[in-house]
Amino acid sequence: MIFGRSERGKPPVEPVTLKILVAGGFGVGKTTLVGAVSEIRPLRTEELLTEAGRPVDDTSGVEAKSTTTVAMDFGRITLREDLVLYLFGTPGQERFWFMWDELSEGALGAVVLADTRRLEDCFAAVDYFERRAIPFVVGVNCFEGSARYPEDAVRGALDLDDDVPLVLCDARDRESVKEVLVGVVQHAMTQAARRRSAVTT
């Protein structure tokens, strides 16, 4: 191999790096999703839940959860030789939402993870990205034992616009998560092309 060039004689590829947020309610699987797909050891800022936090932390439906993200999760995945995604998992609890503005700076798009047992927990994330015109995909995390609902029913419950993609996923499965992330990139690129077209016409 010649220094600075590949074996095929092509110049080395400088990858495009994109920032993707992973948001949603408390205990919906954000940390799991980042960990399942990251090619580096993910950075996690989890702390144990305490008795002092019980009055403000709603653990209904996730009673077995013993830790919570207090700042962010961070991971990285190379989708192609020329495309790298940096993943930032947001804290799900309301008392940490003040950090979302900083985390969302420069983001191409987002994944809003949803749990059909607690759909109301992702309303805040959906509203946040809609208000800031950040393209997002809703990933319904299919927990074991949870009921399966038709896409139209979930879309209606979340009051999603028709152009917001909604997909079923398993936050524990690398290939499933990769499909969701590819969907975010494609959706964000489509939205950007529409905006450019609207400006030039």
N, C-alpha and C. Protein backbone atom coordinates (compact mmCIF):
# COMPACT_ATOMS: atom_id res chain seq x y z
N MET A 1 0.84 -1.21 0.00
CA MET A 1 0.00 0.00 0.00
C MET A 1 0.87 1.25 0.00
N ILE A 2 0.63 2.16 -0.93
CA ILE A 2 1.36 3.42 -1.00
C ILE A 2 0.79 4.38 0.03
N PHE A 3 1.66 5.10 0.74
CA PHE A 3 1.20 6.02 1.78
C PHE A 3 0.22 7.04 1.20
N GLY A 4 -0.93 7.18 1.87
CA GLY A 4 -1.91 8.18 1.48
C GLY A 4 -2.84 7.73 0.36
N ARG A 5 -2.63 6.52 -0.15
CA ARG A 5 -3.51 6.02 -1.21
C ARG A 5 -3.93 4.59 -0.90
N SER A 6 -5.08 4.19 -1.43
CA SER A 6 -5.54 2.83 -1.24
C SER A 6 -4.83 1.90 -2.21
N GLU A 7 -5.00 0.60 -2.02
CA GLU A 7 -4.35 -0.38 -2.87
C GLU A 7 -4.84 -0.27 -4.31
N ARG A 8 -6.01 0.21 -4.53
CA ARG A 8 -6.56 0.34 -5.88
C ARG A 8 -6.11 1.64 -6.55
N GLY A 9 -5.24 2.38 -5.90
CA GLY A 9 -4.73 3.59 -6.51
C GLY A 9 -5.63 4.80 -6.34
N LYS A 10 -6.70 4.64 -5.56
CA LYS A 10 -7.62 5.75 -5.34
C LYS A 10 -7.16 6.55 -4.13
N PRO A 11 -7.40 7.85 -4.13
CA PRO A 11 -7.04 8.64 -2.95
C PRO A 11 -7.89 8.22 -1.76
N PRO A 12 -7.36 8.36 -0.55
CA PRO A 12 -8.13 7.98 0.63
C PRO A 12 -9.42 8.80 0.73
N VAL A 13 -10.45 8.15 1.21
CA VAL A 13 -11.75 8.80 1.32
C VAL A 13 -11.83 9.56 2.65
N GLU A 14 -12.21 10.81 2.58
CA GLU A 14 -12.45 11.60 3.79
C GLU A 14 -13.93 11.49 4.10
N PRO A 15 -14.30 10.76 5.14
CA PRO A 15 -15.73 10.52 5.37
C PRO A 15 -16.48 11.77 5.81
N VAL A 16 -17.73 11.82 5.40
CA VAL A 16 -18.65 12.84 5.90
C VAL A 16 -19.14 12.39 7.27
N THR A 17 -19.09 13.27 8.24
CA THR A 17 -19.56 12.93 9.58
C THR A 17 -20.86 13.67 9.87
N LEU A 18 -21.84 12.95 10.35
CA LEU A 18 -23.15 13.51 10.63
C LEU A 18 -23.54 13.23 12.07
N LYS A 19 -24.27 14.16 12.65
CA LYS A 19 -24.71 14.04 14.04
C LYS A 19 -26.18 13.66 14.08
N ILE A 20 -26.47 12.59 14.80
CA ILE A 20 -27.85 12.11 14.95
C ILE A 20 -28.19 12.03 16.44
N LEU A 21 -29.34 12.56 16.81
CA LEU A 21 -29.80 12.45 18.19
C LEU A 21 -30.69 11.24 18.35
N VAL A 22 -30.66 10.65 19.53
CA VAL A 22 -31.56 9.56 19.90
C VAL A 22 -32.33 10.03 21.13
N ALA A 23 -33.63 10.25 20.97
CA ALA A 23 -34.43 10.84 22.03
C ALA A 23 -35.65 9.96 22.34
N GLY A 24 -36.36 10.35 23.37
CA GLY A 24 -37.54 9.60 23.78
C GLY A 24 -37.69 9.64 25.28
N GLY A 25 -38.70 8.96 25.77
CA GLY A 25 -39.00 8.99 27.19
C GLY A 25 -38.03 8.18 28.04
N PHE A 26 -38.21 8.28 29.32
CA PHE A 26 -37.41 7.58 30.31
C PHE A 26 -37.59 6.07 30.15
N GLY A 27 -36.48 5.34 30.02
CA GLY A 27 -36.54 3.88 29.97
C GLY A 27 -37.01 3.29 28.66
N VAL A 28 -36.96 4.07 27.57
CA VAL A 28 -37.50 3.59 26.29
C VAL A 28 -36.47 2.79 25.49
N GLY A 29 -35.19 2.88 25.87
CA GLY A 29 -34.18 2.08 25.17
C GLY A 29 -33.12 2.88 24.44
N LYS A 30 -32.95 4.15 24.77
CA LYS A 30 -31.98 4.99 24.06
C LYS A 30 -30.54 4.51 24.28
N THR A 31 -30.20 4.26 25.53
CA THR A 31 -28.85 3.78 25.85
C THR A 31 -28.60 2.43 25.19
N THR A 32 -29.60 1.57 25.21
CA THR A 32 -29.48 0.25 24.57
C THR A 32 -29.25 0.39 23.08
N LEU A 33 -29.99 1.29 22.43
CA LEU A 33 -29.86 1.49 20.98
C LEU A 33 -28.45 1.94 20.62
N VAL A 34 -27.95 2.95 21.32
CA VAL A 34 -26.61 3.45 21.02
C VAL A 34 -25.57 2.35 21.24
N GLY A 35 -25.71 1.61 22.31
CA GLY A 35 -24.76 0.54 22.60
C GLY A 35 -24.81 -0.60 21.61
N ALA A 36 -26.00 -0.88 21.07
CA ALA A 36 -26.16 -2.01 20.15
C ALA A 36 -25.45 -1.78 18.84
N VAL A 37 -25.35 -0.52 18.42
CA VAL A 37 -24.85 -0.24 17.07
C VAL A 37 -23.48 0.42 17.04
N SER A 38 -23.02 0.93 18.17
CA SER A 38 -21.76 1.68 18.18
C SER A 38 -20.57 0.77 17.94
N GLU A 39 -19.66 1.22 17.05
CA GLU A 39 -18.45 0.45 16.76
C GLU A 39 -17.33 0.78 17.74
N ILE A 40 -17.54 1.78 18.58
CA ILE A 40 -16.60 2.07 19.66
C ILE A 40 -17.32 1.78 20.97
N ARG A 41 -16.55 1.69 22.03
CA ARG A 41 -17.19 1.52 23.33
C ARG A 41 -17.97 2.79 23.63
N PRO A 42 -19.31 2.68 23.77
CA PRO A 42 -20.09 3.91 23.94
C PRO A 42 -19.80 4.61 25.26
N LEU A 43 -19.84 5.93 25.18
CA LEU A 43 -19.75 6.75 26.39
C LEU A 43 -21.12 6.78 27.02
N ARG A 44 -21.20 6.46 28.30
CA ARG A 44 -22.49 6.49 29.00
C ARG A 44 -22.34 7.33 30.25
N THR A 45 -23.39 8.06 30.57
CA THR A 45 -23.39 8.88 31.79
C THR A 45 -24.58 8.46 32.64
N GLU A 46 -24.58 7.19 33.01
CA GLU A 46 -25.69 6.66 33.79
C GLU A 46 -25.38 6.71 35.28
N GLU A 47 -26.40 7.02 36.05
CA GLU A 47 -26.29 7.03 37.50
C GLU A 47 -27.43 6.20 38.09
N LEU A 48 -27.21 5.70 39.26
CA LEU A 48 -28.25 4.91 39.94
C LEU A 48 -29.43 5.79 40.32
N LEU A 49 -30.62 5.27 40.14
CA LEU A 49 -31.81 5.96 40.64
C LEU A 49 -31.78 5.91 42.16
N THR A 50 -32.22 6.99 42.79
CA THR A 50 -32.19 7.07 44.25
C THR A 50 -33.58 7.35 44.81
N GLU A 51 -33.71 7.15 46.08
CA GLU A 51 -34.97 7.44 46.76
C GLU A 51 -35.31 8.92 46.64
N ALA A 52 -34.26 9.77 46.63
CA ALA A 52 -34.49 11.22 46.55
C ALA A 52 -35.14 11.61 45.23
N GLY A 53 -34.91 10.80 44.19
CA GLY A 53 -35.46 11.13 42.88
C GLY A 53 -36.85 10.60 42.65
N ARG A 54 -37.36 9.78 43.54
CA ARG A 54 -38.68 9.16 43.32
C ARG A 54 -39.81 10.16 43.11
N PRO A 55 -39.84 11.29 43.82
CA PRO A 55 -40.94 12.23 43.59
C PRO A 55 -40.96 12.86 42.20
N VAL A 56 -39.80 12.88 41.51
CA VAL A 56 -39.75 13.52 40.19
C VAL A 56 -39.52 12.54 39.05
N ASP A 57 -39.08 11.33 39.34
CA ASP A 57 -38.81 10.33 38.29
C ASP A 57 -39.97 9.34 38.24
N ASP A 58 -40.74 9.38 37.15
CA ASP A 58 -41.85 8.47 36.97
C ASP A 58 -41.35 7.15 36.40
N THR A 59 -41.33 6.11 37.24
CA THR A 59 -40.85 4.81 36.79
C THR A 59 -42.00 3.86 36.46
N SER A 60 -43.18 4.39 36.27
CA SER A 60 -44.33 3.56 35.91
C SER A 60 -44.05 2.84 34.59
N GLY A 61 -44.19 1.53 34.60
CA GLY A 61 -43.95 0.75 33.41
C GLY A 61 -42.51 0.30 33.25
N VAL A 62 -41.60 0.91 34.02
CA VAL A 62 -40.19 0.51 33.96
C VAL A 62 -39.66 0.35 35.39
N GLU A 63 -40.45 -0.33 36.20
CA GLU A 63 -40.12 -0.46 37.62
C GLU A 63 -38.78 -1.14 37.87
N ALA A 64 -38.35 -2.00 36.93
CA ALA A 64 -37.10 -2.73 37.12
C ALA A 64 -35.87 -1.89 36.77
N LYS A 65 -36.08 -0.72 36.19
CA LYS A 65 -34.95 0.12 35.79
C LYS A 65 -34.26 0.70 37.03
N SER A 66 -32.94 0.57 37.08
CA SER A 66 -32.21 1.02 38.27
C SER A 66 -31.25 2.17 37.99
N THR A 67 -31.04 2.51 36.69
CA THR A 67 -30.14 3.61 36.36
C THR A 67 -30.82 4.55 35.37
N THR A 68 -30.24 5.74 35.23
CA THR A 68 -30.77 6.71 34.28
C THR A 68 -29.63 7.53 33.69
N THR A 69 -29.80 7.95 32.44
CA THR A 69 -28.81 8.82 31.79
C THR A 69 -28.98 10.24 32.31
N VAL A 70 -27.88 10.82 32.78
CA VAL A 70 -27.97 12.16 33.37
C VAL A 70 -27.35 13.23 32.47
N ALA A 71 -26.64 12.84 31.43
CA ALA A 71 -26.08 13.83 30.51
C ALA A 71 -26.35 13.39 29.07
N MET A 72 -25.67 12.33 28.63
CA MET A 72 -25.89 11.84 27.27
C MET A 72 -25.23 10.47 27.12
N ASP A 73 -25.61 9.78 26.05
CA ASP A 73 -24.89 8.61 25.58
C ASP A 73 -24.21 9.03 24.28
N PHE A 74 -23.05 8.44 23.99
CA PHE A 74 -22.36 8.79 22.75
C PHE A 74 -21.80 7.54 22.11
N GLY A 75 -22.03 7.40 20.80
CA GLY A 75 -21.48 6.29 20.05
C GLY A 75 -21.19 6.70 18.63
N ARG A 76 -20.57 5.80 17.88
CA ARG A 76 -20.21 6.10 16.49
C ARG A 76 -20.42 4.85 15.64
N ILE A 77 -20.93 5.06 14.42
CA ILE A 77 -21.07 3.96 13.49
C ILE A 77 -20.71 4.43 12.09
N THR A 78 -19.95 3.61 11.38
CA THR A 78 -19.61 3.88 9.99
C THR A 78 -20.61 3.14 9.11
N LEU A 79 -21.48 3.89 8.44
CA LEU A 79 -22.48 3.27 7.58
C LEU A 79 -21.88 2.87 6.24
N ARG A 80 -20.98 3.71 5.73
CA ARG A 80 -20.23 3.44 4.50
C ARG A 80 -18.84 3.99 4.70
N GLU A 81 -17.95 3.67 3.79
CA GLU A 81 -16.58 4.18 3.88
C GLU A 81 -16.55 5.70 3.97
N ASP A 82 -17.55 6.33 3.33
CA ASP A 82 -17.56 7.79 3.26
C ASP A 82 -18.62 8.43 4.14
N LEU A 83 -19.22 7.66 5.07
CA LEU A 83 -20.29 8.20 5.90
C LEU A 83 -20.23 7.66 7.32
N VAL A 84 -19.98 8.55 8.26
CA VAL A 84 -19.89 8.18 9.68
C VAL A 84 -20.94 8.95 10.46
N LEU A 85 -21.67 8.23 11.31
CA LEU A 85 -22.67 8.87 12.15
C LEU A 85 -22.17 8.93 13.59
N TYR A 86 -22.31 10.11 14.20
CA TYR A 86 -22.07 10.26 15.63
C TYR A 86 -23.43 10.31 16.32
N LEU A 87 -23.63 9.41 17.25
CA LEU A 87 -24.93 9.27 17.92
C LEU A 87 -24.88 9.89 19.31
N PHE A 88 -25.86 10.74 19.59
CA PHE A 88 -25.97 11.38 20.90
C PHE A 88 -27.32 11.02 21.49
N GLY A 89 -27.31 10.21 22.53
CA GLY A 89 -28.54 9.86 23.22
C GLY A 89 -28.87 10.90 24.27
N THR A 90 -30.07 11.45 24.20
CA THR A 90 -30.47 12.50 25.14
C THR A 90 -31.00 11.89 26.43
N PRO A 91 -30.90 12.61 27.55
CA PRO A 91 -31.54 12.14 28.78
C PRO A 91 -33.06 12.19 28.64
N GLY A 92 -33.74 11.19 29.18
CA GLY A 92 -35.18 11.11 28.99
C GLY A 92 -36.01 11.82 30.04
N GLN A 93 -35.43 12.08 31.20
CA GLN A 93 -36.23 12.67 32.27
C GLN A 93 -36.38 14.17 32.11
N GLU A 94 -37.54 14.66 32.48
CA GLU A 94 -37.87 16.07 32.28
C GLU A 94 -36.86 17.00 32.92
N ARG A 95 -36.32 16.63 34.06
CA ARG A 95 -35.41 17.55 34.75
C ARG A 95 -34.07 17.73 34.03
N PHE A 96 -33.80 16.90 33.01
CA PHE A 96 -32.57 17.04 32.24
C PHE A 96 -32.82 17.59 30.83
N TRP A 97 -34.05 17.99 30.53
CA TRP A 97 -34.36 18.46 29.18
C TRP A 97 -33.63 19.73 28.80
N PHE A 98 -33.15 20.50 29.78
CA PHE A 98 -32.43 21.73 29.47
C PHE A 98 -31.18 21.45 28.63
N MET A 99 -30.70 20.20 28.65
CA MET A 99 -29.49 19.85 27.90
C MET A 99 -29.76 19.60 26.42
N TRP A 100 -31.04 19.44 26.06
CA TRP A 100 -31.36 19.09 24.68
C TRP A 100 -30.91 20.14 23.67
N ASP A 101 -31.04 21.42 24.01
CA ASP A 101 -30.67 22.49 23.08
C ASP A 101 -29.20 22.38 22.68
N GLU A 102 -28.36 22.11 23.65
CA GLU A 102 -26.93 22.00 23.36
C GLU A 102 -26.64 20.74 22.55
N LEU A 103 -27.26 19.63 22.92
CA LEU A 103 -27.03 18.38 22.22
C LEU A 103 -27.53 18.44 20.77
N SER A 104 -28.60 19.18 20.53
CA SER A 104 -29.18 19.22 19.19
C SER A 104 -28.46 20.16 18.23
N GLU A 105 -27.52 20.95 18.75
CA GLU A 105 -26.79 21.90 17.91
C GLU A 105 -26.05 21.15 16.80
N GLY A 106 -26.36 21.47 15.55
CA GLY A 106 -25.68 20.86 14.42
C GLY A 106 -26.15 19.48 14.03
N ALA A 107 -27.25 19.02 14.62
CA ALA A 107 -27.75 17.67 14.31
C ALA A 107 -28.42 17.63 12.94
N LEU A 108 -28.13 16.58 12.18
CA LEU A 108 -28.79 16.38 10.89
C LEU A 108 -30.23 15.93 11.09
N GLY A 109 -30.44 15.07 12.09
CA GLY A 109 -31.77 14.53 12.32
C GLY A 109 -31.80 13.77 13.64
N ALA A 110 -32.91 13.09 13.88
CA ALA A 110 -33.09 12.42 15.16
C ALA A 110 -33.93 11.17 15.02
N VAL A 111 -33.73 10.28 15.98
CA VAL A 111 -34.60 9.12 16.19
C VAL A 111 -35.39 9.39 17.46
N VAL A 112 -36.71 9.31 17.38
CA VAL A 112 -37.53 9.37 18.58
C VAL A 112 -38.00 7.95 18.87
N LEU A 113 -37.46 7.37 19.94
CA LEU A 113 -37.87 6.01 20.32
C LEU A 113 -39.19 6.07 21.07
N ALA A 114 -40.07 5.14 20.75
CA ALA A 114 -41.38 5.09 21.39
C ALA A 114 -41.65 3.69 21.92
N ASP A 115 -42.35 3.64 23.03
CA ASP A 115 -42.82 2.40 23.65
C ASP A 115 -44.34 2.46 23.63
N THR A 116 -44.99 1.51 22.95
CA THR A 116 -46.45 1.59 22.81
C THR A 116 -47.17 1.46 24.14
N ARG A 117 -46.48 0.98 25.17
CA ARG A 117 -47.11 0.91 26.50
C ARG A 117 -47.15 2.27 27.17
N ARG A 118 -46.29 3.20 26.68
CA ARG A 118 -46.18 4.53 27.30
C ARG A 118 -45.93 5.56 26.21
N LEU A 119 -46.82 5.61 25.21
CA LEU A 119 -46.61 6.51 24.08
C LEU A 119 -46.49 7.98 24.50
N GLU A 120 -47.22 8.34 25.54
CA GLU A 120 -47.21 9.74 25.96
C GLU A 120 -45.82 10.21 26.37
N ASP A 121 -44.93 9.28 26.71
CA ASP A 121 -43.58 9.66 27.14
C ASP A 121 -42.73 10.24 26.01
N CYS A 122 -43.14 10.00 24.75
CA CYS A 122 -42.32 10.55 23.66
C CYS A 122 -42.95 11.79 23.04
N PHE A 123 -44.09 12.26 23.58
CA PHE A 123 -44.72 13.48 23.05
C PHE A 123 -43.75 14.67 23.08
N ALA A 124 -43.03 14.80 24.19
CA ALA A 124 -42.13 15.96 24.33
C ALA A 124 -41.04 15.95 23.26
N ALA A 125 -40.50 14.78 22.94
CA ALA A 125 -39.45 14.69 21.93
C ALA A 125 -40.01 15.01 20.55
N VAL A 126 -41.18 14.47 20.23
CA VAL A 126 -41.82 14.76 18.94
C VAL A 126 -42.04 16.27 18.80
N ASP A 127 -42.59 16.88 19.86
CA ASP A 127 -42.87 18.31 19.84
C ASP A 127 -41.58 19.12 19.70
N TYR A 128 -40.53 18.69 20.39
CA TYR A 128 -39.25 19.41 20.35
C TYR A 128 -38.70 19.48 18.93
N PHE A 129 -38.67 18.36 18.24
CA PHE A 129 -38.08 18.33 16.90
C PHE A 129 -39.00 18.99 15.87
N GLU A 130 -40.30 18.88 16.05
CA GLU A 130 -41.22 19.58 15.15
C GLU A 130 -41.04 21.08 15.25
N ARG A 131 -40.95 21.60 16.47
CA ARG A 131 -40.83 23.04 16.67
C ARG A 131 -39.52 23.60 16.10
N ARG A 132 -38.49 22.79 16.10
CA ARG A 132 -37.18 23.25 15.63
C ARG A 132 -36.89 22.80 14.20
N ALA A 133 -37.86 22.20 13.55
CA ALA A 133 -37.73 21.75 12.15
C ALA A 133 -36.53 20.82 11.97
N ILE A 134 -36.28 19.97 12.96
CA ILE A 134 -35.22 18.96 12.85
C ILE A 134 -35.87 17.67 12.35
N PRO A 135 -35.47 17.16 11.19
CA PRO A 135 -36.09 15.93 10.68
C PRO A 135 -35.92 14.77 11.66
N PHE A 136 -36.97 13.99 11.83
CA PHE A 136 -36.88 12.86 12.75
C PHE A 136 -37.69 11.68 12.24
N VAL A 137 -37.29 10.51 12.72
CA VAL A 137 -37.98 9.26 12.46
C VAL A 137 -38.45 8.72 13.80
N VAL A 138 -39.66 8.19 13.86
CA VAL A 138 -40.14 7.53 15.08
C VAL A 138 -39.86 6.04 14.97
N GLY A 139 -39.09 5.53 15.92
CA GLY A 139 -38.81 4.10 15.98
C GLY A 139 -39.59 3.49 17.13
N VAL A 140 -40.54 2.62 16.82
CA VAL A 140 -41.32 1.95 17.86
C VAL A 140 -40.51 0.76 18.35
N ASN A 141 -39.98 0.86 19.56
CA ASN A 141 -39.16 -0.20 20.14
C ASN A 141 -40.07 -1.34 20.58
N CYS A 142 -39.91 -2.49 19.97
CA CYS A 142 -40.81 -3.62 20.22
C CYS A 142 -40.36 -4.41 21.45
N PHE A 143 -40.84 -4.01 22.60
CA PHE A 143 -40.52 -4.71 23.84
C PHE A 143 -41.26 -6.04 23.90
N GLU A 144 -40.62 -7.03 24.51
CA GLU A 144 -41.27 -8.34 24.68
C GLU A 144 -42.51 -8.18 25.55
N GLY A 145 -43.59 -8.78 25.09
CA GLY A 145 -44.83 -8.74 25.86
C GLY A 145 -45.69 -7.53 25.61
N SER A 146 -45.18 -6.56 24.83
CA SER A 146 -45.99 -5.37 24.55
C SER A 146 -46.89 -5.63 23.36
N ALA A 147 -48.05 -5.00 23.37
CA ALA A 147 -49.02 -5.19 22.28
C ALA A 147 -48.50 -4.55 20.99
N ARG A 148 -48.84 -5.18 19.86
CA ARG A 148 -48.50 -4.61 18.55
C ARG A 148 -49.70 -3.88 18.00
N TYR A 149 -49.50 -2.66 17.55
CA TYR A 149 -50.59 -1.86 17.01
C TYR A 149 -50.30 -1.51 15.56
N PRO A 150 -51.35 -1.34 14.75
CA PRO A 150 -51.13 -0.93 13.36
C PRO A 150 -50.42 0.42 13.30
N GLU A 151 -49.63 0.61 12.25
CA GLU A 151 -48.88 1.86 12.09
C GLU A 151 -49.81 3.07 12.14
N ASP A 152 -50.96 2.97 11.48
CA ASP A 152 -51.89 4.11 11.45
C ASP A 152 -52.36 4.49 12.85
N ALA A 153 -52.54 3.48 13.70
CA ALA A 153 -53.01 3.74 15.06
C ALA A 153 -51.94 4.48 15.86
N VAL A 154 -50.68 4.04 15.73
CA VAL A 154 -49.58 4.70 16.45
C VAL A 154 -49.38 6.11 15.90
N ARG A 155 -49.40 6.24 14.58
CA ARG A 155 -49.24 7.55 13.95
C ARG A 155 -50.32 8.52 14.41
N GLY A 156 -51.56 8.03 14.48
CA GLY A 156 -52.66 8.88 14.93
C GLY A 156 -52.51 9.27 16.39
N ALA A 157 -52.09 8.32 17.23
CA ALA A 157 -51.92 8.61 18.66
C ALA A 157 -50.85 9.67 18.89
N LEU A 158 -49.82 9.66 18.04
CA LEU A 158 -48.73 10.64 18.18
C LEU A 158 -48.98 11.90 17.38
N ASP A 159 -50.05 11.91 16.59
CA ASP A 159 -50.41 13.06 15.75
C ASP A 159 -49.25 13.45 14.84
N LEU A 160 -48.67 12.45 14.17
CA LEU A 160 -47.52 12.68 13.30
C LEU A 160 -47.96 13.17 11.93
N ASP A 161 -47.16 14.05 11.34
CA ASP A 161 -47.39 14.44 9.95
C ASP A 161 -47.17 13.22 9.05
N ASP A 162 -47.81 13.23 7.91
CA ASP A 162 -47.74 12.09 7.00
C ASP A 162 -46.32 11.80 6.52
N ASP A 163 -45.48 12.83 6.46
CA ASP A 163 -44.14 12.61 5.91
C ASP A 163 -43.11 12.18 6.96
N VAL A 164 -43.54 12.01 8.21
CA VAL A 164 -42.62 11.54 9.25
C VAL A 164 -42.58 10.02 9.22
N PRO A 165 -41.44 9.42 8.91
CA PRO A 165 -41.36 7.95 8.88
C PRO A 165 -41.58 7.33 10.26
N LEU A 166 -42.28 6.20 10.28
CA LEU A 166 -42.49 5.45 11.51
C LEU A 166 -42.12 4.00 11.22
N VAL A 167 -41.21 3.45 12.03
CA VAL A 167 -40.72 2.09 11.79
C VAL A 167 -40.72 1.29 13.08
N LEU A 168 -40.92 -0.01 12.95
CA LEU A 168 -40.77 -0.92 14.08
C LEU A 168 -39.29 -1.29 14.20
N CYS A 169 -38.80 -1.39 15.41
CA CYS A 169 -37.39 -1.74 15.58
C CYS A 169 -37.17 -2.48 16.89
N ASP A 170 -35.98 -3.05 17.01
CA ASP A 170 -35.53 -3.68 18.24
C ASP A 170 -34.24 -2.99 18.63
N ALA A 171 -34.27 -2.18 19.68
CA ALA A 171 -33.11 -1.39 20.07
C ALA A 171 -31.92 -2.24 20.49
N ARG A 172 -32.14 -3.53 20.69
CA ARG A 172 -31.04 -4.43 21.08
C ARG A 172 -30.32 -5.01 19.88
N ASP A 173 -30.92 -4.89 18.70
CA ASP A 173 -30.43 -5.58 17.50
C ASP A 173 -29.69 -4.61 16.58
N ARG A 174 -28.44 -4.88 16.31
CA ARG A 174 -27.59 -3.99 15.52
C ARG A 174 -28.17 -3.71 14.13
N GLU A 175 -28.59 -4.75 13.42
CA GLU A 175 -29.10 -4.56 12.07
C GLU A 175 -30.41 -3.77 12.07
N SER A 176 -31.26 -4.02 13.05
CA SER A 176 -32.51 -3.27 13.16
C SER A 176 -32.24 -1.79 13.40
N VAL A 177 -31.28 -1.50 14.27
CA VAL A 177 -30.93 -0.11 14.57
C VAL A 177 -30.30 0.56 13.35
N LYS A 178 -29.46 -0.16 12.62
CA LYS A 178 -28.85 0.41 11.42
C LYS A 178 -29.91 0.83 10.41
N GLU A 179 -30.94 0.02 10.26
CA GLU A 179 -32.03 0.37 9.33
C GLU A 179 -32.71 1.67 9.75
N VAL A 180 -32.91 1.83 11.05
CA VAL A 180 -33.52 3.07 11.56
C VAL A 180 -32.62 4.26 11.25
N LEU A 181 -31.33 4.12 11.47
CA LEU A 181 -30.40 5.22 11.25
C LEU A 181 -30.29 5.59 9.76
N VAL A 182 -30.29 4.58 8.91
CA VAL A 182 -30.30 4.84 7.47
C VAL A 182 -31.57 5.62 7.11
N GLY A 183 -32.69 5.24 7.73
CA GLY A 183 -33.95 5.94 7.50
C GLY A 183 -33.89 7.40 7.91
N VAL A 184 -33.21 7.69 9.02
CA VAL A 184 -33.07 9.08 9.47
C VAL A 184 -32.28 9.90 8.44
N VAL A 185 -31.15 9.34 7.99
CA VAL A 185 -30.32 10.06 7.02
C VAL A 185 -31.09 10.31 5.73
N GLN A 186 -31.78 9.28 5.24
CA GLN A 186 -32.55 9.44 4.00
C GLN A 186 -33.65 10.49 4.16
N HIS A 187 -34.35 10.44 5.28
CA HIS A 187 -35.43 11.39 5.53
C HIS A 187 -34.89 12.81 5.62
N ALA A 188 -33.77 12.99 6.32
CA ALA A 188 -33.18 14.32 6.47
C ALA A 188 -32.72 14.86 5.11
N MET A 189 -32.14 14.01 4.29
CA MET A 189 -31.69 14.44 2.95
C MET A 189 -32.88 14.82 2.07
N THR A 190 -33.96 14.06 2.18
CA THR A 190 -35.18 14.37 1.41
C THR A 190 -35.75 15.72 1.83
N GLN A 191 -35.79 15.97 3.14
CA GLN A 191 -36.30 17.23 3.65
C GLN A 191 -35.43 18.41 3.20
N ALA A 192 -34.11 18.19 3.21
CA ALA A 192 -33.20 19.25 2.78
C ALA A 192 -33.39 19.57 1.30
N ALA A 193 -33.59 18.52 0.49
CA ALA A 193 -33.81 18.73 -0.94
C ALA A 193 -35.11 19.48 -1.19
N ARG A 194 -36.14 19.19 -0.42
CA ARG A 194 -37.41 19.90 -0.55
C ARG A 194 -37.26 21.37 -0.21
N ARG A 195 -36.50 21.66 0.84
CA ARG A 195 -36.29 23.05 1.22
C ARG A 195 -35.53 23.82 0.14
N ARG A 196 -34.51 23.17 -0.43
CA ARG A 196 -33.75 23.81 -1.51
C ARG A 196 -34.63 24.09 -2.72
N SER A 197 -35.49 23.09 -3.02
CA SER A 197 -36.39 23.23 -4.16
C SER A 197 -37.37 24.37 -3.95
N ALA A 198 -37.87 24.50 -2.71
CA ALA A 198 -38.83 25.55 -2.40
C ALA A 198 -38.20 26.94 -2.52
N VAL A 199 -36.91 27.04 -2.19
CA VAL A 199 -36.21 28.33 -2.24
C VAL A 199 -35.97 28.74 -3.69
N THR A 200 -35.68 27.77 -4.56
CA THR A 200 -35.33 28.09 -5.95
C THR A 200 -36.54 28.24 -6.87
N THR A 201 -37.73 27.87 -6.38
CA THR A 201 -38.92 27.98 -7.25
C THR A 201 -39.76 29.20 -6.87
